[in-house]
Amino acid sequence: MDHDDPEAAENGRQPAAPAAGISTMIQQFKRTVSKAVGYPVWQRGCYDHII
């Protein structure tokens, strides 16, 4: 637990990871897979949701 973060100290939880980081990871994964296969394998306009 981060002791410098007052919010984390109050509720005992760590803050969630920023959404931009997850979006970037998904984008890089899709790009890498498409390059490895040689053609785009993802649908355009398809939005990923992480549950």
N, C-alpha and C. Protein backbone atom coordinates (compact mmCIF):
# COMPACT_ATOMS: atom_id res chain seq x y z
N MET A 1 0.85 -1.18 0.00
CA MET A 1 0.00 0.00 0.00
C MET A 1 0.89 1.23 0.00
N ASP A 2 0.51 2.24 -0.75
CA ASP A 2 1.27 3.48 -0.86
C ASP A 2 0.93 4.37 0.34
N HIS A 3 1.90 4.57 1.21
CA HIS A 3 1.65 5.35 2.42
C HIS A 3 1.65 6.85 2.17
N ASP A 4 2.07 7.27 0.97
CA ASP A 4 2.08 8.70 0.64
C ASP A 4 0.74 9.17 0.10
N ASP A 5 -0.14 8.25 -0.26
CA ASP A 5 -1.43 8.59 -0.85
C ASP A 5 -2.48 8.65 0.26
N PRO A 6 -2.99 9.85 0.58
CA PRO A 6 -3.95 9.96 1.67
C PRO A 6 -5.26 9.20 1.41
N GLU A 7 -5.69 9.14 0.15
CA GLU A 7 -6.93 8.42 -0.17
C GLU A 7 -6.77 6.93 0.10
N ALA A 8 -5.63 6.38 -0.26
CA ALA A 8 -5.39 4.97 -0.04
C ALA A 8 -5.34 4.68 1.46
N ALA A 9 -4.82 5.60 2.24
CA ALA A 9 -4.75 5.41 3.68
C ALA A 9 -6.15 5.47 4.30
N GLU A 10 -7.02 6.31 3.76
CA GLU A 10 -8.36 6.47 4.31
C GLU A 10 -9.21 5.21 4.14
N ASN A 11 -9.27 4.68 2.94
CA ASN A 11 -10.19 3.58 2.69
C ASN A 11 -9.49 2.22 2.62
N GLY A 12 -8.18 2.18 2.76
CA GLY A 12 -7.45 0.92 2.77
C GLY A 12 -7.27 0.29 1.40
N ARG A 13 -7.66 0.99 0.33
CA ARG A 13 -7.53 0.46 -1.03
C ARG A 13 -6.53 1.29 -1.81
N GLN A 14 -5.89 0.62 -2.76
CA GLN A 14 -4.99 1.34 -3.64
C GLN A 14 -5.80 1.89 -4.80
N PRO A 15 -5.39 3.03 -5.36
CA PRO A 15 -6.11 3.60 -6.51
C PRO A 15 -6.02 2.67 -7.71
N ALA A 16 -7.05 2.71 -8.54
CA ALA A 16 -7.10 1.87 -9.74
C ALA A 16 -6.06 2.33 -10.76
N ALA A 17 -5.66 1.42 -11.63
CA ALA A 17 -4.73 1.76 -12.69
C ALA A 17 -5.40 2.72 -13.67
N PRO A 18 -4.65 3.64 -14.24
CA PRO A 18 -5.25 4.57 -15.18
C PRO A 18 -5.75 3.86 -16.44
N ALA A 19 -6.90 4.26 -16.93
CA ALA A 19 -7.50 3.63 -18.10
C ALA A 19 -6.63 3.80 -19.35
N ALA A 20 -5.92 4.92 -19.45
CA ALA A 20 -5.08 5.15 -20.61
C ALA A 20 -4.00 4.08 -20.72
N GLY A 21 -3.49 3.61 -19.61
CA GLY A 21 -2.47 2.57 -19.63
C GLY A 21 -3.00 1.27 -20.18
N ILE A 22 -4.22 0.92 -19.78
CA ILE A 22 -4.84 -0.31 -20.27
C ILE A 22 -5.15 -0.18 -21.75
N SER A 23 -5.67 0.97 -22.17
CA SER A 23 -5.98 1.19 -23.58
C SER A 23 -4.73 1.06 -24.44
N THR A 24 -3.64 1.61 -23.96
CA THR A 24 -2.37 1.53 -24.69
C THR A 24 -1.90 0.09 -24.80
N MET A 25 -2.03 -0.68 -23.73
CA MET A 25 -1.62 -2.08 -23.76
C MET A 25 -2.44 -2.87 -24.77
N ILE A 26 -3.76 -2.66 -24.79
CA ILE A 26 -4.62 -3.37 -25.74
C ILE A 26 -4.26 -2.99 -27.17
N GLN A 27 -4.04 -1.70 -27.40
CA GLN A 27 -3.69 -1.22 -28.74
C GLN A 27 -2.37 -1.85 -29.21
N GLN A 28 -1.38 -1.91 -28.33
CA GLN A 28 -0.10 -2.50 -28.70
C GLN A 28 -0.23 -4.00 -28.95
N PHE A 29 -1.05 -4.67 -28.15
CA PHE A 29 -1.27 -6.11 -28.35
C PHE A 29 -1.90 -6.37 -29.70
N LYS A 30 -2.95 -5.60 -30.03
CA LYS A 30 -3.63 -5.78 -31.32
C LYS A 30 -2.69 -5.52 -32.49
N ARG A 31 -1.87 -4.46 -32.38
CA ARG A 31 -0.93 -4.13 -33.44
C ARG A 31 0.09 -5.24 -33.61
N THR A 32 0.62 -5.77 -32.51
CA THR A 32 1.63 -6.82 -32.57
C THR A 32 1.06 -8.10 -33.20
N VAL A 33 -0.15 -8.48 -32.80
CA VAL A 33 -0.78 -9.68 -33.36
C VAL A 33 -1.02 -9.50 -34.85
N SER A 34 -1.55 -8.34 -35.24
CA SER A 34 -1.82 -8.10 -36.66
C SER A 34 -0.56 -8.15 -37.50
N LYS A 35 0.53 -7.60 -36.98
CA LYS A 35 1.80 -7.64 -37.71
C LYS A 35 2.33 -9.06 -37.81
N ALA A 36 2.18 -9.83 -36.73
CA ALA A 36 2.68 -11.22 -36.74
C ALA A 36 1.90 -12.08 -37.73
N VAL A 37 0.59 -11.85 -37.84
CA VAL A 37 -0.25 -12.63 -38.75
C VAL A 37 -0.08 -12.13 -40.19
N GLY A 38 0.13 -10.84 -40.35
CA GLY A 38 0.32 -10.28 -41.68
C GLY A 38 -0.88 -9.54 -42.22
N TYR A 39 -1.97 -9.52 -41.47
CA TYR A 39 -3.18 -8.79 -41.88
C TYR A 39 -3.99 -8.46 -40.63
N PRO A 40 -4.85 -7.45 -40.71
CA PRO A 40 -5.63 -7.08 -39.53
C PRO A 40 -6.66 -8.16 -39.18
N VAL A 41 -6.69 -8.55 -37.92
CA VAL A 41 -7.61 -9.59 -37.47
C VAL A 41 -8.70 -9.03 -36.55
N TRP A 42 -8.69 -7.75 -36.32
CA TRP A 42 -9.65 -7.12 -35.40
C TRP A 42 -10.70 -6.36 -36.19
N GLN A 43 -11.92 -6.40 -35.73
CA GLN A 43 -13.00 -5.67 -36.38
C GLN A 43 -12.83 -4.18 -36.13
N ARG A 44 -13.09 -3.38 -37.17
CA ARG A 44 -13.07 -1.93 -37.00
C ARG A 44 -14.31 -1.52 -36.23
N GLY A 45 -14.16 -0.56 -35.33
CA GLY A 45 -15.28 -0.06 -34.57
C GLY A 45 -15.70 -0.98 -33.44
N CYS A 46 -14.93 -2.00 -33.16
CA CYS A 46 -15.24 -2.91 -32.06
C CYS A 46 -14.55 -2.38 -30.80
N TYR A 47 -15.33 -2.15 -29.77
CA TYR A 47 -14.77 -1.59 -28.53
C TYR A 47 -14.61 -2.69 -27.50
N ASP A 48 -13.43 -2.73 -26.91
CA ASP A 48 -13.13 -3.74 -25.89
C ASP A 48 -13.56 -3.23 -24.53
N HIS A 49 -14.13 -4.11 -23.73
CA HIS A 49 -14.53 -3.79 -22.37
C HIS A 49 -13.86 -4.78 -21.43
N ILE A 50 -13.26 -4.26 -20.42
CA ILE A 50 -12.64 -5.10 -19.40
C ILE A 50 -13.57 -5.14 -18.21
N ILE A 51 -13.96 -6.33 -17.84
CA ILE A 51 -14.91 -6.50 -16.74
C ILE A 51 -14.15 -6.66 -15.45
